[in-house]
Amino acid sequence: MSASTRKETRGLIPEIFDWLEAPLAGLRPVMGQMIRFEDYVKDGRYVLRAELPGIDPDKDVEITLTEGVLTIRAERHHEEKEAHRSEFRYGAFTRSITLPAGADAKDVKATYDQGILEVSVKLSEHKPEGTRILVSKPDTRKG
């Protein structure tokens, strides 16, 4: 399954925000913010790169993999104080995505560099084959 045809596991509310992003952007902090990311397959690994600037990956990021769903949770706490003003940026971010078939939950790597979190998962060369289900027709012969 290619990255372009794979669907994310998301609820209705994030779908609505994606569709109406500009008009409703001000409401996002109430619902939690989305993590922007890109994903692709390279050298036998599924790679997800997420924009998470201004966080400490040791304290502020949690990555979990449960039943083929990769979830990234992050929280940002940043405050700047100057003589007569202060600014702060904070928020919680969550994003879940269903991994492609053949993802190896035992071979997951994560790195963080210059605001980009990269998570990669090894993909098995052997793709599980599905079982074909035959459709039967009702017996129309009368006895």
C-alpha atoms as a PDB file:
ATOM      1  CA  MET A   1       0.000   0.000   0.000  1.00  0.00           C
ATOM      2  CA  SER A   2       1.529   3.301  -0.969  1.00  0.00           C
ATOM      3  CA  ALA A   3       1.703   6.266   1.361  1.00  0.00           C
ATOM      4  CA  SER A   4      -0.538   8.226  -0.980  1.00  0.00           C
ATOM      5  CA  THR A   5      -3.403   5.710  -0.748  1.00  0.00           C
ATOM      6  CA  ARG A   6      -3.155   4.969   2.957  1.00  0.00           C
ATOM      7  CA  LYS A   7      -5.740   6.577   5.204  1.00  0.00           C
ATOM      8  CA  GLU A   8      -5.010   7.997   8.638  1.00  0.00           C
ATOM      9  CA  THR A   9      -6.938   6.983  11.707  1.00  0.00           C
ATOM     10  CA  ARG A  10      -8.620  10.221  12.723  1.00  0.00           C
ATOM     11  CA  GLY A  11     -11.943  11.214  14.128  1.00  0.00           C
ATOM     12  CA  LEU A  12     -14.516  13.494  12.569  1.00  0.00           C
ATOM     13  CA  ILE A  13     -13.391  16.689  14.305  1.00  0.00           C
ATOM     14  CA  PRO A  14      -9.813  16.703  12.875  1.00  0.00           C
ATOM     15  CA  GLU A  15     -11.272  16.002   9.404  1.00  0.00           C
ATOM     16  CA  ILE A  16     -13.508  19.046   9.728  1.00  0.00           C
ATOM     17  CA  PHE A  17     -10.566  21.190  10.851  1.00  0.00           C
ATOM     18  CA  ASP A  18      -8.512  20.042   7.867  1.00  0.00           C
ATOM     19  CA  TRP A  19     -11.355  20.953   5.530  1.00  0.00           C
ATOM     20  CA  LEU A  20     -12.096  24.323   7.121  1.00  0.00           C
ATOM     21  CA  GLU A  21      -8.579  25.067   8.328  1.00  0.00           C
ATOM     22  CA  ALA A  22      -8.426  28.823   7.837  1.00  0.00           C
ATOM     23  CA  PRO A  23     -11.805  29.874   9.279  1.00  0.00           C
ATOM     24  CA  LEU A  24     -11.603  27.590  12.324  1.00  0.00           C
ATOM     25  CA  ALA A  25      -7.892  27.804  13.070  1.00  0.00           C
ATOM     26  CA  GLY A  26      -8.596  29.912  16.157  1.00  0.00           C
ATOM     27  CA  LEU A  27     -10.574  27.055  17.734  1.00  0.00           C
ATOM     28  CA  ARG A  28      -7.790  24.475  17.422  1.00  0.00           C
ATOM     29  CA  PRO A  29      -6.132  25.102  20.807  1.00  0.00           C
ATOM     30  CA  VAL A  30      -9.404  24.192  22.497  1.00  0.00           C
ATOM     31  CA  MET A  31      -9.488  20.807  20.754  1.00  0.00           C
ATOM     32  CA  GLY A  32      -5.710  20.179  20.743  1.00  0.00           C
ATOM     33  CA  GLN A  33      -3.378  21.040  17.914  1.00  0.00           C
ATOM     34  CA  MET A  34      -2.438  18.834  14.983  1.00  0.00           C
ATOM     35  CA  ILE A  35       1.136  17.831  14.266  1.00  0.00           C
ATOM     36  CA  ARG A  36       2.127  18.540  10.674  1.00  0.00           C
ATOM     37  CA  PHE A  37       4.001  15.644   9.118  1.00  0.00           C
ATOM     38  CA  GLU A  38       5.127  13.896   5.975  1.00  0.00           C
ATOM     39  CA  ASP A  39       5.536  10.167   5.499  1.00  0.00           C
ATOM     40  CA  TYR A  40       7.152   7.938   2.895  1.00  0.00           C
ATOM     41  CA  VAL A  41       8.878   4.569   2.405  1.00  0.00           C
ATOM     42  CA  LYS A  42      12.656   4.539   1.915  1.00  0.00           C
ATOM     43  CA  ASP A  43      15.182   1.686   2.013  1.00  0.00           C
ATOM     44  CA  GLY A  44      12.648  -0.810   3.398  1.00  0.00           C
ATOM     45  CA  ARG A  45      11.501   1.490   6.208  1.00  0.00           C
ATOM     46  CA  TYR A  46       8.351   3.516   6.721  1.00  0.00           C
ATOM     47  CA  VAL A  47       9.476   7.038   7.697  1.00  0.00           C
ATOM     48  CA  LEU A  48       7.346   9.685   9.400  1.00  0.00           C
ATOM     49  CA  ARG A  49       8.797  13.196   9.828  1.00  0.00           C
ATOM     50  CA  ALA A  50       6.884  15.548  12.135  1.00  0.00           C
ATOM     51  CA  GLU A  51       7.345  19.282  12.712  1.00  0.00           C
ATOM     52  CA  LEU A  52       7.804  19.829  16.455  1.00  0.00           C
ATOM     53  CA  PRO A  53       9.910  22.962  16.919  1.00  0.00           C
ATOM     54  CA  GLY A  54      10.693  24.302  20.355  1.00  0.00           C
ATOM     55  CA  ILE A  55      10.246  21.120  22.371  1.00  0.00           C
ATOM     56  CA  ASP A  56      12.559  19.010  24.477  1.00  0.00           C
ATOM     57  CA  PRO A  57      12.260  15.473  23.076  1.00  0.00           C
ATOM     58  CA  ASP A  58      13.468  13.943  26.357  1.00  0.00           C
ATOM     59  CA  LYS A  59      10.673  15.534  28.411  1.00  0.00           C
ATOM     60  CA  ASP A  60       7.937  16.628  26.028  1.00  0.00           C
ATOM     61  CA  VAL A  61       7.447  13.782  23.513  1.00  0.00           C
ATOM     62  CA  GLU A  62       5.763  10.403  23.910  1.00  0.00           C
ATOM     63  CA  ILE A  63       5.677   7.919  21.026  1.00  0.00           C
ATOM     64  CA  THR A  64       3.570   4.768  21.299  1.00  0.00           C
ATOM     65  CA  LEU A  65       2.803   1.900  18.943  1.00  0.00           C
ATOM     66  CA  THR A  66      -0.321  -0.111  19.689  1.00  0.00           C
ATOM     67  CA  GLU A  67      -1.917  -2.648  17.341  1.00  0.00           C
ATOM     68  CA  GLY A  68      -0.355  -1.095  14.239  1.00  0.00           C
ATOM     69  CA  VAL A  69      -1.209   2.512  15.162  1.00  0.00           C
ATOM     70  CA  LEU A  70       1.675   4.922  15.791  1.00  0.00           C
ATOM     71  CA  THR A  71       0.766   7.825  18.090  1.00  0.00           C
ATOM     72  CA  ILE A  72       2.897  10.884  18.757  1.00  0.00           C
ATOM     73  CA  ARG A  73       2.050  13.138  21.694  1.00  0.00           C
ATOM     74  CA  ALA A  74       4.005  16.294  22.400  1.00  0.00           C
ATOM     75  CA  GLU A  75       3.649  19.268  24.676  1.00  0.00           C
ATOM     76  CA  ARG A  76       5.330  22.634  24.236  1.00  0.00           C
ATOM     77  CA  HIS A  77       6.177  25.050  27.051  1.00  0.00           C
ATOM     78  CA  HIS A  78       8.079  28.146  25.984  1.00  0.00           C
ATOM     79  CA  GLU A  79       8.223  31.544  27.640  1.00  0.00           C
ATOM     80  CA  GLU A  80      10.277  34.617  26.757  1.00  0.00           C
ATOM     81  CA  LYS A  81      10.578  37.504  29.195  1.00  0.00           C
ATOM     82  CA  GLU A  82      11.897  40.939  28.366  1.00  0.00           C
ATOM     83  CA  ALA A  83      11.958  44.157  30.379  1.00  0.00           C
ATOM     84  CA  HIS A  84       8.335  45.177  29.833  1.00  0.00           C
ATOM     85  CA  ARG A  85       6.680  42.175  28.242  1.00  0.00           C
ATOM     86  CA  SER A  86       6.601  38.433  28.127  1.00  0.00           C
ATOM     87  CA  GLU A  87       5.463  35.989  25.453  1.00  0.00           C
ATOM     88  CA  PHE A  88       4.662  32.347  25.794  1.00  0.00           C
ATOM     89  CA  ARG A  89       3.766  29.517  23.465  1.00  0.00           C
ATOM     90  CA  TYR A  90       2.327  26.315  24.745  1.00  0.00           C
ATOM     91  CA  GLY A  91       0.049  23.552  23.663  1.00  0.00           C
ATOM     92  CA  ALA A  92      -0.515  19.837  23.394  1.00  0.00           C
ATOM     93  CA  PHE A  93      -0.166  18.031  20.088  1.00  0.00           C
ATOM     94  CA  THR A  94      -1.335  14.547  19.161  1.00  0.00           C
ATOM     95  CA  ARG A  95      -1.296  12.623  15.896  1.00  0.00           C
ATOM     96  CA  SER A  96      -2.051   8.948  15.209  1.00  0.00           C
ATOM     97  CA  ILE A  97      -1.474   7.073  11.986  1.00  0.00           C
ATOM     98  CA  THR A  98      -2.044   3.468  10.965  1.00  0.00           C
ATOM     99  CA  LEU A  99       1.220   1.882   9.845  1.00  0.00           C
ATOM    100  CA  PRO A 100       1.417   0.044   6.518  1.00  0.00           C
ATOM    101  CA  ALA A 101       1.068  -3.736   6.372  1.00  0.00           C
ATOM    102  CA  GLY A 102       4.295  -5.507   7.284  1.00  0.00           C
ATOM    103  CA  ALA A 103       5.470  -2.902   9.818  1.00  0.00           C
ATOM    104  CA  ASP A 104       7.767  -4.471  12.422  1.00  0.00           C
ATOM    105  CA  ALA A 105       6.834  -3.151  15.890  1.00  0.00           C
ATOM    106  CA  LYS A 106      10.158  -4.497  17.231  1.00  0.00           C
ATOM    107  CA  ASP A 107      12.253  -2.304  14.910  1.00  0.00           C
ATOM    108  CA  VAL A 108      11.212   1.313  15.523  1.00  0.00           C
ATOM    109  CA  LYS A 109      13.709   4.190  15.709  1.00  0.00           C
ATOM    110  CA  ALA A 110      13.150   7.845  16.586  1.00  0.00           C
ATOM    111  CA  THR A 111      15.445  10.869  16.295  1.00  0.00           C
ATOM    112  CA  TYR A 112      14.947  14.602  16.864  1.00  0.00           C
ATOM    113  CA  ASP A 113      17.022  17.253  15.097  1.00  0.00           C
ATOM    114  CA  GLN A 114      16.369  20.980  14.531  1.00  0.00           C
ATOM    115  CA  GLY A 115      12.656  20.792  15.306  1.00  0.00           C
ATOM    116  CA  ILE A 116      11.952  17.653  13.258  1.00  0.00           C
ATOM    117  CA  LEU A 117      11.000  14.359  14.892  1.00  0.00           C
ATOM    118  CA  GLU A 118      11.704  11.399  12.617  1.00  0.00           C
ATOM    119  CA  VAL A 119      10.259   7.974  13.395  1.00  0.00           C
ATOM    120  CA  SER A 120      11.096   5.014  11.184  1.00  0.00           C
ATOM    121  CA  VAL A 121       9.717   1.484  11.248  1.00  0.00           C
ATOM    122  CA  LYS A 122      11.159  -1.480   9.379  1.00  0.00           C
ATOM    123  CA  LEU A 123       8.828  -2.993   6.815  1.00  0.00           C
ATOM    124  CA  SER A 124       8.844  -6.727   6.249  1.00  0.00           C
ATOM    125  CA  GLU A 125       9.589  -7.807   2.706  1.00  0.00           C
ATOM    126  CA  HIS A 126       6.977 -10.516   3.118  1.00  0.00           C
ATOM    127  CA  LYS A 127       3.592  -8.876   2.842  1.00  0.00           C
ATOM    128  CA  PRO A 128       0.800 -10.787   4.552  1.00  0.00           C
ATOM    129  CA  GLU A 129      -1.599 -12.135   1.981  1.00  0.00           C
ATOM    130  CA  GLY A 130      -5.278 -11.756   2.500  1.00  0.00           C
ATOM    131  CA  THR A 131      -7.793 -14.551   2.191  1.00  0.00           C
ATOM    132  CA  ARG A 132     -10.113 -14.381  -0.775  1.00  0.00           C
ATOM    133  CA  ILE A 133     -13.752 -14.738   0.173  1.00  0.00           C
ATOM    134  CA  LEU A 134     -15.983 -16.336  -2.429  1.00  0.00           C
ATOM    135  CA  VAL A 135     -19.467 -14.963  -2.834  1.00  0.00           C
ATOM    136  CA  SER A 136     -22.134 -17.602  -3.295  1.00  0.00           C
ATOM    137  CA  LYS A 137     -25.430 -17.184  -5.074  1.00  0.00           C
ATOM    138  CA  PRO A 138     -28.634 -18.495  -3.553  1.00  0.00           C
ATOM    139  CA  ASP A 139     -29.877 -21.755  -5.011  1.00  0.00           C
ATOM    140  CA  THR A 140     -32.807 -20.757  -7.214  1.00  0.00           C
ATOM    141  CA  ARG A 141     -33.690 -24.296  -8.283  1.00  0.00           C
ATOM    142  CA  LYS A 142     -36.981 -25.475  -6.931  1.00  0.00           C
ATOM    143  CA  GLY A 143     -37.154 -29.003  -5.915  1.00  0.00           C
END
